[in-house]
Amino acid sequence: PVHLKTFVPVHTGSPIPDGFDAVIMQEDVRLNDSDSIA
């Protein structure tokens, strides 16, 4: 897995914040802590 610290939680229909260009589904992510995701 790749560990990212640059991410924003989103829901269906949520605006995409500036600077982000993709959404990864909840089931394809492992939560490490509040500061990073796998």
PDB file of all heavy atoms in Angstrom:
ATOM      1  N   PRO A   1       0.830  -1.211   0.000  1.00  0.00           N
ATOM      2  CA  PRO A   1       0.000   0.000   0.000  1.00  0.00           C
ATOM      3  C   PRO A   1       0.861   1.256   0.000  1.00  0.00           C
ATOM      4  O   PRO A   1       1.997   1.258   0.460  1.00  0.00           O
ATOM      5  CB  PRO A   1      -0.809  -0.117   1.293  1.00  0.00           C
ATOM      6  CG  PRO A   1      -0.691  -1.548   1.707  1.00  0.00           C
ATOM      7  CD  PRO A   1       0.637  -2.019   1.214  1.00  0.00           C
ATOM      8  N   VAL A   2       0.296   2.318  -0.547  1.00  0.00           N
ATOM      9  CA  VAL A   2       0.920   3.640  -0.497  1.00  0.00           C
ATOM     10  C   VAL A   2       0.262   4.422   0.623  1.00  0.00           C
ATOM     11  O   VAL A   2      -0.970   4.484   0.710  1.00  0.00           O
ATOM     12  CB  VAL A   2       0.767   4.381  -1.839  1.00  0.00           C
ATOM     13  CG1 VAL A   2       1.222   5.839  -1.695  1.00  0.00           C
ATOM     14  CG2 VAL A   2       1.571   3.677  -2.921  1.00  0.00           C
ATOM     15  N   HIS A   3       1.050   5.020   1.486  1.00  0.00           N
ATOM     16  CA  HIS A   3       0.537   5.782   2.620  1.00  0.00           C
ATOM     17  C   HIS A   3       0.504   7.262   2.267  1.00  0.00           C
ATOM     18  O   HIS A   3       1.530   7.853   1.914  1.00  0.00           O
ATOM     19  CB  HIS A   3       1.396   5.531   3.863  1.00  0.00           C
ATOM     20  CG  HIS A   3       1.412   4.101   4.294  1.00  0.00           C
ATOM     21  ND1 HIS A   3       0.451   3.544   5.124  1.00  0.00           N
ATOM     22  CD2 HIS A   3       2.259   3.078   3.960  1.00  0.00           C
ATOM     23  CE1 HIS A   3       0.708   2.268   5.311  1.00  0.00           C
ATOM     24  NE2 HIS A   3       1.805   1.949   4.614  1.00  0.00           N
ATOM     25  N   LEU A   4      -0.692   7.837   2.296  1.00  0.00           N
ATOM     26  CA  LEU A   4      -0.871   9.236   1.924  1.00  0.00           C
ATOM     27  C   LEU A   4      -1.239  10.064   3.143  1.00  0.00           C
ATOM     28  O   LEU A   4      -2.028   9.636   3.994  1.00  0.00           O
ATOM     29  CB  LEU A   4      -1.990   9.372   0.882  1.00  0.00           C
ATOM     30  CG  LEU A   4      -1.799   8.660  -0.461  1.00  0.00           C
ATOM     31  CD1 LEU A   4      -2.997   8.943  -1.355  1.00  0.00           C
ATOM     32  CD2 LEU A   4      -0.509   9.110  -1.127  1.00  0.00           C
ATOM     33  N   LYS A   5      -0.666  11.253   3.182  1.00  0.00           N
ATOM     34  CA  LYS A   5      -1.048  12.214   4.218  1.00  0.00           C
ATOM     35  C   LYS A   5      -1.854  13.372   3.637  1.00  0.00           C
ATOM     36  O   LYS A   5      -2.427  14.167   4.392  1.00  0.00           O
ATOM     37  CB  LYS A   5       0.203  12.746   4.924  1.00  0.00           C
ATOM     38  CG  LYS A   5       0.911  11.703   5.775  1.00  0.00           C
ATOM     39  CD  LYS A   5       2.003  12.328   6.630  1.00  0.00           C
ATOM     40  CE  LYS A   5       2.627  11.288   7.546  1.00  0.00           C
ATOM     41  NZ  LYS A   5       3.666  11.881   8.424  1.00  0.00           N
ATOM     42  N   THR A   6      -1.865  13.437   2.275  1.00  0.00           N
ATOM     43  CA  THR A   6      -2.637  14.488   1.608  1.00  0.00           C
ATOM     44  C   THR A   6      -3.939  13.877   1.096  1.00  0.00           C
ATOM     45  O   THR A   6      -3.950  13.163   0.086  1.00  0.00           O
ATOM     46  CB  THR A   6      -1.853  15.092   0.437  1.00  0.00           C
ATOM     47  OG1 THR A   6      -0.602  15.573   0.913  1.00  0.00           O
ATOM     48  CG2 THR A   6      -2.633  16.241  -0.199  1.00  0.00           C
ATOM     49  N   PHE A   7      -5.014  14.099   1.799  1.00  0.00           N
ATOM     50  CA  PHE A   7      -6.305  13.543   1.416  1.00  0.00           C
ATOM     51  C   PHE A   7      -7.398  14.332   2.123  1.00  0.00           C
ATOM     52  O   PHE A   7      -7.139  15.046   3.102  1.00  0.00           O
ATOM     53  CB  PHE A   7      -6.405  12.057   1.780  1.00  0.00           C
ATOM     54  CG  PHE A   7      -6.351  11.804   3.264  1.00  0.00           C
ATOM     55  CD1 PHE A   7      -7.529  11.739   4.017  1.00  0.00           C
ATOM     56  CD2 PHE A   7      -5.138  11.636   3.912  1.00  0.00           C
ATOM     57  CE1 PHE A   7      -7.483  11.511   5.374  1.00  0.00           C
ATOM     58  CE2 PHE A   7      -5.086  11.407   5.275  1.00  0.00           C
ATOM     59  CZ  PHE A   7      -6.262  11.348   6.017  1.00  0.00           C
ATOM     60  N   VAL A   8      -8.634  14.195   1.600  1.00  0.00           N
ATOM     61  CA  VAL A   8      -9.801  14.834   2.213  1.00  0.00           C
ATOM     62  C   VAL A   8     -10.954  13.842   2.156  1.00  0.00           C
ATOM     63  O   VAL A   8     -11.273  13.333   1.078  1.00  0.00           O
ATOM     64  CB  VAL A   8     -10.205  16.142   1.490  1.00  0.00           C
ATOM     65  CG1 VAL A   8     -11.507  16.708   2.080  1.00  0.00           C
ATOM     66  CG2 VAL A   8      -9.092  17.175   1.594  1.00  0.00           C
ATOM     67  N   PRO A   9     -11.606  13.506   3.282  1.00  0.00           N
ATOM     68  CA  PRO A   9     -12.782  12.628   3.231  1.00  0.00           C
ATOM     69  C   PRO A   9     -13.916  13.299   2.441  1.00  0.00           C
ATOM     70  O   PRO A   9     -14.172  14.497   2.589  1.00  0.00           O
ATOM     71  CB  PRO A   9     -13.162  12.462   4.703  1.00  0.00           C
ATOM     72  CG  PRO A   9     -11.932  12.830   5.477  1.00  0.00           C
ATOM     73  CD  PRO A   9     -11.236  13.868   4.664  1.00  0.00           C
ATOM     74  N   VAL A  10     -14.579  12.531   1.581  1.00  0.00           N
ATOM     75  CA  VAL A  10     -15.697  13.052   0.786  1.00  0.00           C
ATOM     76  C   VAL A  10     -16.839  12.042   0.806  1.00  0.00           C
ATOM     77  O   VAL A  10     -16.634  10.849   1.052  1.00  0.00           O
ATOM     78  CB  VAL A  10     -15.291  13.339  -0.674  1.00  0.00           C
ATOM     79  CG1 VAL A  10     -14.328  14.499  -0.764  1.00  0.00           C
ATOM     80  CG2 VAL A  10     -14.727  12.081  -1.332  1.00  0.00           C
ATOM     81  N   HIS A  11     -18.041  12.540   0.552  1.00  0.00           N
ATOM     82  CA  HIS A  11     -19.221  11.707   0.410  1.00  0.00           C
ATOM     83  C   HIS A  11     -19.773  11.871  -1.009  1.00  0.00           C
ATOM     84  O   HIS A  11     -19.401  12.803  -1.730  1.00  0.00           O
ATOM     85  CB  HIS A  11     -20.282  12.101   1.434  1.00  0.00           C
ATOM     86  CG  HIS A  11     -19.823  11.978   2.849  1.00  0.00           C
ATOM     87  ND1 HIS A  11     -19.658  10.763   3.477  1.00  0.00           N
ATOM     88  CD2 HIS A  11     -19.471  12.924   3.770  1.00  0.00           C
ATOM     89  CE1 HIS A  11     -19.240  10.942   4.719  1.00  0.00           C
ATOM     90  NE2 HIS A  11     -19.108  12.259   4.929  1.00  0.00           N
ATOM     91  N   THR A  12     -20.658  10.974  -1.393  1.00  0.00           N
ATOM     92  CA  THR A  12     -21.286  11.084  -2.716  1.00  0.00           C
ATOM     93  C   THR A  12     -21.984  12.431  -2.844  1.00  0.00           C
ATOM     94  O   THR A  12     -22.820  12.789  -2.019  1.00  0.00           O
ATOM     95  CB  THR A  12     -22.301   9.948  -2.922  1.00  0.00           C
ATOM     96  OG1 THR A  12     -21.631   8.695  -2.789  1.00  0.00           O
ATOM     97  CG2 THR A  12     -22.942  10.048  -4.300  1.00  0.00           C
ATOM     98  N   GLY A  13     -21.602  13.186  -3.875  1.00  0.00           N
ATOM     99  CA  GLY A  13     -22.175  14.510  -4.085  1.00  0.00           C
ATOM    100  C   GLY A  13     -21.378  15.635  -3.491  1.00  0.00           C
ATOM    101  O   GLY A  13     -21.680  16.809  -3.727  1.00  0.00           O
ATOM    102  N   SER A  14     -20.333  15.319  -2.710  1.00  0.00           N
ATOM    103  CA  SER A  14     -19.515  16.368  -2.106  1.00  0.00           C
ATOM    104  C   SER A  14     -18.652  17.058  -3.167  1.00  0.00           C
ATOM    105  O   SER A  14     -18.138  16.398  -4.080  1.00  0.00           O
ATOM    106  CB  SER A  14     -18.584  15.783  -1.040  1.00  0.00           C
ATOM    107  OG  SER A  14     -19.314  15.211   0.017  1.00  0.00           O
ATOM    108  N   PRO A  15     -18.451  18.388  -3.059  1.00  0.00           N
ATOM    109  CA  PRO A  15     -17.524  19.077  -3.975  1.00  0.00           C
ATOM    110  C   PRO A  15     -16.108  18.548  -3.784  1.00  0.00           C
ATOM    111  O   PRO A  15     -15.694  18.218  -2.669  1.00  0.00           O
ATOM    112  CB  PRO A  15     -17.634  20.546  -3.566  1.00  0.00           C
ATOM    113  CG  PRO A  15     -18.912  20.653  -2.798  1.00  0.00           C
ATOM    114  CD  PRO A  15     -19.114  19.341  -2.137  1.00  0.00           C
ATOM    115  N   ILE A  16     -15.359  18.481  -4.869  1.00  0.00           N
ATOM    116  CA  ILE A  16     -13.966  18.050  -4.808  1.00  0.00           C
ATOM    117  C   ILE A  16     -13.109  19.266  -4.483  1.00  0.00           C
ATOM    118  O   ILE A  16     -13.134  20.265  -5.217  1.00  0.00           O
ATOM    119  CB  ILE A  16     -13.519  17.428  -6.140  1.00  0.00           C
ATOM    120  CG1 ILE A  16     -14.397  16.214  -6.480  1.00  0.00           C
ATOM    121  CG2 ILE A  16     -12.055  17.024  -6.078  1.00  0.00           C
ATOM    122  CD1 ILE A  16     -14.338  15.100  -5.467  1.00  0.00           C
ATOM    123  N   PRO A  17     -12.337  19.243  -3.399  1.00  0.00           N
ATOM    124  CA  PRO A  17     -11.493  20.392  -3.046  1.00  0.00           C
ATOM    125  C   PRO A  17     -10.463  20.682  -4.139  1.00  0.00           C
ATOM    126  O   PRO A  17     -10.037  19.784  -4.882  1.00  0.00           O
ATOM    127  CB  PRO A  17     -10.811  19.960  -1.749  1.00  0.00           C
ATOM    128  CG  PRO A  17     -11.650  18.830  -1.230  1.00  0.00           C
ATOM    129  CD  PRO A  17     -12.219  18.146  -2.426  1.00  0.00           C
ATOM    130  N   ASP A  18     -10.067  21.929  -4.247  1.00  0.00           N
ATOM    131  CA  ASP A  18      -9.043  22.314  -5.223  1.00  0.00           C
ATOM    132  C   ASP A  18      -7.753  21.548  -4.972  1.00  0.00           C
ATOM    133  O   ASP A  18      -7.348  21.319  -3.814  1.00  0.00           O
ATOM    134  CB  ASP A  18      -8.765  23.817  -5.132  1.00  0.00           C
ATOM    135  CG  ASP A  18      -9.948  24.647  -5.602  1.00  0.00           C
ATOM    136  OD1 ASP A  18     -10.789  24.104  -6.342  1.00  0.00           O
ATOM    137  OD2 ASP A  18     -10.018  25.832  -5.227  1.00  0.00           O
ATOM    138  N   GLY A  19      -7.114  21.172  -6.053  1.00  0.00           N
ATOM    139  CA  GLY A  19      -5.833  20.483  -5.963  1.00  0.00           C
ATOM    140  C   GLY A  19      -5.939  18.978  -5.976  1.00  0.00           C
ATOM    141  O   GLY A  19      -4.924  18.285  -6.130  1.00  0.00           O
ATOM    142  N   PHE A  20      -7.145  18.431  -5.818  1.00  0.00           N
ATOM    143  CA  PHE A  20      -7.339  16.984  -5.837  1.00  0.00           C
ATOM    144  C   PHE A  20      -7.990  16.574  -7.162  1.00  0.00           C
ATOM    145  O   PHE A  20      -8.859  17.292  -7.680  1.00  0.00           O
ATOM    146  CB  PHE A  20      -8.210  16.549  -4.660  1.00  0.00           C
ATOM    147  CG  PHE A  20      -7.566  16.806  -3.313  1.00  0.00           C
ATOM    148  CD1 PHE A  20      -7.733  18.030  -2.673  1.00  0.00           C
ATOM    149  CD2 PHE A  20      -6.789  15.833  -2.722  1.00  0.00           C
ATOM    150  CE1 PHE A  20      -7.138  18.276  -1.445  1.00  0.00           C
ATOM    151  CE2 PHE A  20      -6.190  16.057  -1.486  1.00  0.00           C
ATOM    152  CZ  PHE A  20      -6.358  17.287  -0.849  1.00  0.00           C
ATOM    153  N   ASP A  21      -7.577  15.434  -7.711  1.00  0.00           N
ATOM    154  CA  ASP A  21      -8.067  15.039  -9.029  1.00  0.00           C
ATOM    155  C   ASP A  21      -8.608  13.617  -9.095  1.00  0.00           C
ATOM    156  O   ASP A  21      -8.842  13.085 -10.171  1.00  0.00           O
ATOM    157  CB  ASP A  21      -6.968  15.212 -10.079  1.00  0.00           C
ATOM    158  CG  ASP A  21      -5.753  14.335  -9.822  1.00  0.00           C
ATOM    159  OD1 ASP A  21      -5.722  13.638  -8.770  1.00  0.00           O
ATOM    160  OD2 ASP A  21      -4.834  14.332 -10.653  1.00  0.00           O
ATOM    161  N   ALA A  22      -8.812  12.959  -7.972  1.00  0.00           N
ATOM    162  CA  ALA A  22      -9.357  11.597  -7.986  1.00  0.00           C
ATOM    163  C   ALA A  22     -10.013  11.301  -6.638  1.00  0.00           C
ATOM    164  O   ALA A  22      -9.708  11.941  -5.621  1.00  0.00           O
ATOM    165  CB  ALA A  22      -8.266  10.573  -8.277  1.00  0.00           C
ATOM    166  N   VAL A  23     -10.910  10.306  -6.660  1.00  0.00           N
ATOM    167  CA  VAL A  23     -11.554   9.831  -5.435  1.00  0.00           C
ATOM    168  C   VAL A  23     -11.309   8.323  -5.335  1.00  0.00           C
ATOM    169  O   VAL A  23     -11.509   7.586  -6.310  1.00  0.00           O
ATOM    170  CB  VAL A  23     -13.061  10.133  -5.427  1.00  0.00           C
ATOM    171  CG1 VAL A  23     -13.757   9.402  -4.268  1.00  0.00           C
ATOM    172  CG2 VAL A  23     -13.303  11.637  -5.308  1.00  0.00           C
ATOM    173  N   ILE A  24     -10.870   7.899  -4.169  1.00  0.00           N
ATOM    174  CA  ILE A  24     -10.693   6.469  -3.913  1.00  0.00           C
ATOM    175  C   ILE A  24     -11.798   6.026  -2.963  1.00  0.00           C
ATOM    176  O   ILE A  24     -12.046   6.662  -1.923  1.00  0.00           O
ATOM    177  CB  ILE A  24      -9.310   6.182  -3.306  1.00  0.00           C
ATOM    178  CG1 ILE A  24      -8.224   6.570  -4.313  1.00  0.00           C
ATOM    179  CG2 ILE A  24      -9.190   4.707  -2.924  1.00  0.00           C
ATOM    180  CD1 ILE A  24      -6.818   6.290  -3.841  1.00  0.00           C
ATOM    181  N   MET A  25     -12.488   4.936  -3.344  1.00  0.00           N
ATOM    182  CA  MET A  25     -13.621   4.478  -2.544  1.00  0.00           C
ATOM    183  C   MET A  25     -13.175   4.023  -1.155  1.00  0.00           C
ATOM    184  O   MET A  25     -12.047   3.557  -0.961  1.00  0.00           O
ATOM    185  CB  MET A  25     -14.338   3.336  -3.268  1.00  0.00           C
ATOM    186  CG  MET A  25     -15.038   3.760  -4.545  1.00  0.00           C
ATOM    187  SD  MET A  25     -16.112   2.464  -5.208  1.00  0.00           S
ATOM    188  CE  MET A  25     -14.898   1.199  -5.574  1.00  0.00           C
ATOM    189  N   GLN A  26     -14.129   4.124  -0.255  1.00  0.00           N
ATOM    190  CA  GLN A  26     -13.877   3.775   1.146  1.00  0.00           C
ATOM    191  C   GLN A  26     -13.306   2.360   1.272  1.00  0.00           C
ATOM    192  O   GLN A  26     -12.373   2.122   2.053  1.00  0.00           O
ATOM    193  CB  GLN A  26     -15.192   3.886   1.929  1.00  0.00           C
ATOM    194  CG  GLN A  26     -15.071   3.610   3.414  1.00  0.00           C
ATOM    195  CD  GLN A  26     -14.554   4.818   4.169  1.00  0.00           C
ATOM    196  OE1 GLN A  26     -14.973   5.925   3.891  1.00  0.00           O
ATOM    197  NE2 GLN A  26     -13.636   4.603   5.103  1.00  0.00           N
ATOM    198  N   GLU A  27     -13.850   1.414   0.487  1.00  0.00           N
ATOM    199  CA  GLU A  27     -13.440   0.028   0.649  1.00  0.00           C
ATOM    200  C   GLU A  27     -12.046  -0.261   0.102  1.00  0.00           C
ATOM    201  O   GLU A  27     -11.495  -1.349   0.322  1.00  0.00           O
ATOM    202  CB  GLU A  27     -14.450  -0.915  -0.029  1.00  0.00           C
ATOM    203  CG  GLU A  27     -14.776  -0.538  -1.469  1.00  0.00           C
ATOM    204  CD  GLU A  27     -16.011   0.326  -1.581  1.00  0.00           C
ATOM    205  OE1 GLU A  27     -16.210   1.205  -0.699  1.00  0.00           O
ATOM    206  OE2 GLU A  27     -16.770   0.121  -2.548  1.00  0.00           O
ATOM    207  N   ASP A  28     -11.456   0.685  -0.633  1.00  0.00           N
ATOM    208  CA  ASP A  28     -10.108   0.502  -1.173  1.00  0.00           C
ATOM    209  C   ASP A  28      -9.055   1.211  -0.324  1.00  0.00           C
ATOM    210  O   ASP A  28      -7.926   1.441  -0.761  1.00  0.00           O
ATOM    211  CB  ASP A  28     -10.036   1.029  -2.610  1.00  0.00           C
ATOM    212  CG  ASP A  28     -10.890   0.204  -3.559  1.00  0.00           C
ATOM    213  OD1 ASP A  28     -11.074  -1.002  -3.287  1.00  0.00           O
ATOM    214  OD2 ASP A  28     -11.375   0.757  -4.557  1.00  0.00           O
ATOM    215  N   VAL A  29      -9.428   1.588   0.876  1.00  0.00           N
ATOM    216  CA  VAL A  29      -8.540   2.362   1.739  1.00  0.00           C
ATOM    217  C   VAL A  29      -8.481   1.706   3.128  1.00  0.00           C
ATOM    218  O   VAL A  29      -9.480   1.198   3.629  1.00  0.00           O
ATOM    219  CB  VAL A  29      -9.036   3.822   1.869  1.00  0.00           C
ATOM    220  CG1 VAL A  29      -8.248   4.573   2.931  1.00  0.00           C
ATOM    221  CG2 VAL A  29      -8.935   4.522   0.538  1.00  0.00           C
ATOM    222  N   ARG A  30      -7.298   1.728   3.737  1.00  0.00           N
ATOM    223  CA  ARG A  30      -7.138   1.330   5.124  1.00  0.00           C
ATOM    224  C   ARG A  30      -6.746   2.565   5.935  1.00  0.00           C
ATOM    225  O   ARG A  30      -5.843   3.317   5.538  1.00  0.00           O
ATOM    226  CB  ARG A  30      -6.039   0.266   5.287  1.00  0.00           C
ATOM    227  CG  ARG A  30      -6.409  -1.089   4.697  1.00  0.00           C
ATOM    228  CD  ARG A  30      -5.248  -2.034   4.831  1.00  0.00           C
ATOM    229  NE  ARG A  30      -5.517  -3.311   4.179  1.00  0.00           N
ATOM    230  CZ  ARG A  30      -4.575  -4.213   3.909  1.00  0.00           C
ATOM    231  NH1 ARG A  30      -3.309  -3.969   4.253  1.00  0.00           N
ATOM    232  NH2 ARG A  30      -4.892  -5.339   3.304  1.00  0.00           N
ATOM    233  N   LEU A  31      -7.413   2.764   7.031  1.00  0.00           N
ATOM    234  CA  LEU A  31      -7.119   3.905   7.887  1.00  0.00           C
ATOM    235  C   LEU A  31      -5.962   3.550   8.812  1.00  0.00           C
ATOM    236  O   LEU A  31      -6.023   2.563   9.562  1.00  0.00           O
ATOM    237  CB  LEU A  31      -8.345   4.289   8.699  1.00  0.00           C
ATOM    238  CG  LEU A  31      -9.503   4.910   7.924  1.00  0.00           C
ATOM    239  CD1 LEU A  31     -10.683   5.141   8.855  1.00  0.00           C
ATOM    240  CD2 LEU A  31      -9.071   6.226   7.295  1.00  0.00           C
ATOM    241  N   ASN A  32      -4.897   4.336   8.738  1.00  0.00           N
ATOM    242  CA  ASN A  32      -3.785   4.155   9.664  1.00  0.00           C
ATOM    243  C   ASN A  32      -4.045   4.936  10.948  1.00  0.00           C
ATOM    244  O   ASN A  32      -4.058   4.397  12.059  1.00  0.00           O
ATOM    245  CB  ASN A  32      -2.470   4.614   9.030  1.00  0.00           C
ATOM    246  CG  ASN A  32      -2.059   3.704   7.884  1.00  0.00           C
ATOM    247  OD1 ASN A  32      -2.444   2.545   7.863  1.00  0.00           O
ATOM    248  ND2 ASN A  32      -1.276   4.220   6.952  1.00  0.00           N
ATOM    249  N   ASP A  33      -4.258   6.219  10.800  1.00  0.00           N
ATOM    250  CA  ASP A  33      -4.608   7.100  11.910  1.00  0.00           C
ATOM    251  C   ASP A  33      -5.275   8.314  11.291  1.00  0.00           C
ATOM    252  O   ASP A  33      -5.575   8.326  10.093  1.00  0.00           O
ATOM    253  CB  ASP A  33      -3.371   7.474  12.730  1.00  0.00           C
ATOM    254  CG  ASP A  33      -2.229   7.981  11.846  1.00  0.00           C
ATOM    255  OD1 ASP A  33      -2.497   8.854  10.990  1.00  0.00           O
ATOM    256  OD2 ASP A  33      -1.105   7.494  12.014  1.00  0.00           O
ATOM    257  N   SER A  34      -5.500   9.330  12.062  1.00  0.00           N
ATOM    258  CA  SER A  34      -6.195  10.516  11.546  1.00  0.00           C
ATOM    259  C   SER A  34      -5.351  11.309  10.561  1.00  0.00           C
ATOM    260  O   SER A  34      -5.860  12.181   9.860  1.00  0.00           O
ATOM    261  CB  SER A  34      -6.625  11.414  12.712  1.00  0.00           C
ATOM    262  OG  SER A  34      -5.478  11.842  13.450  1.00  0.00           O
ATOM    263  N   ASP A  35      -4.039  11.007  10.493  1.00  0.00           N
ATOM    264  CA  ASP A  35      -3.148  11.793   9.645  1.00  0.00           C
ATOM    265  C   ASP A  35      -2.784  11.112   8.334  1.00  0.00           C
ATOM    266  O   ASP A  35      -2.191  11.729   7.450  1.00  0.00           O
ATOM    267  CB  ASP A  35      -1.854  12.133  10.399  1.00  0.00           C
ATOM    268  CG  ASP A  35      -2.115  13.044  11.595  1.00  0.00           C
ATOM    269  OD1 ASP A  35      -3.045  13.869  11.491  1.00  0.00           O
ATOM    270  OD2 ASP A  35      -1.411  12.902  12.601  1.00  0.00           O
ATOM    271  N   SER A  36      -3.102   9.828   8.184  1.00  0.00           N
ATOM    272  CA  SER A  36      -2.706   9.140   6.952  1.00  0.00           C
ATOM    273  C   SER A  36      -3.668   8.011   6.629  1.00  0.00           C
ATOM    274  O   SER A  36      -4.375   7.503   7.505  1.00  0.00           O
ATOM    275  CB  SER A  36      -1.282   8.587   7.081  1.00  0.00           C
ATOM    276  OG  SER A  36      -1.252   7.542   8.035  1.00  0.00           O
ATOM    277  N   ILE A  37      -3.679   7.638   5.352  1.00  0.00           N
ATOM    278  CA  ILE A  37      -4.462   6.495   4.887  1.00  0.00           C
ATOM    279  C   ILE A  37      -3.574   5.628   4.018  1.00  0.00           C
ATOM    280  O   ILE A  37      -2.619   6.114   3.395  1.00  0.00           O
ATOM    281  CB  ILE A  37      -5.710   6.935   4.098  1.00  0.00           C
ATOM    282  CG1 ILE A  37      -5.315   7.831   2.919  1.00  0.00           C
ATOM    283  CG2 ILE A  37      -6.720   7.639   4.987  1.00  0.00           C
ATOM    284  CD1 ILE A  37      -6.476   8.203   2.020  1.00  0.00           C
ATOM    285  N   ALA A  38      -3.922   4.343   3.953  1.00  0.00           N
ATOM    286  CA  ALA A  38      -3.179   3.406   3.118  1.00  0.00           C
ATOM    287  C   ALA A  38      -3.998   3.107   1.874  1.00  0.00           C
ATOM    288  O   ALA A  38      -5.141   2.658   1.965  1.00  0.00           O
ATOM    289  CB  ALA A  38      -2.869   2.131   3.896  1.00  0.00           C
TER     290      ALA A  38
END
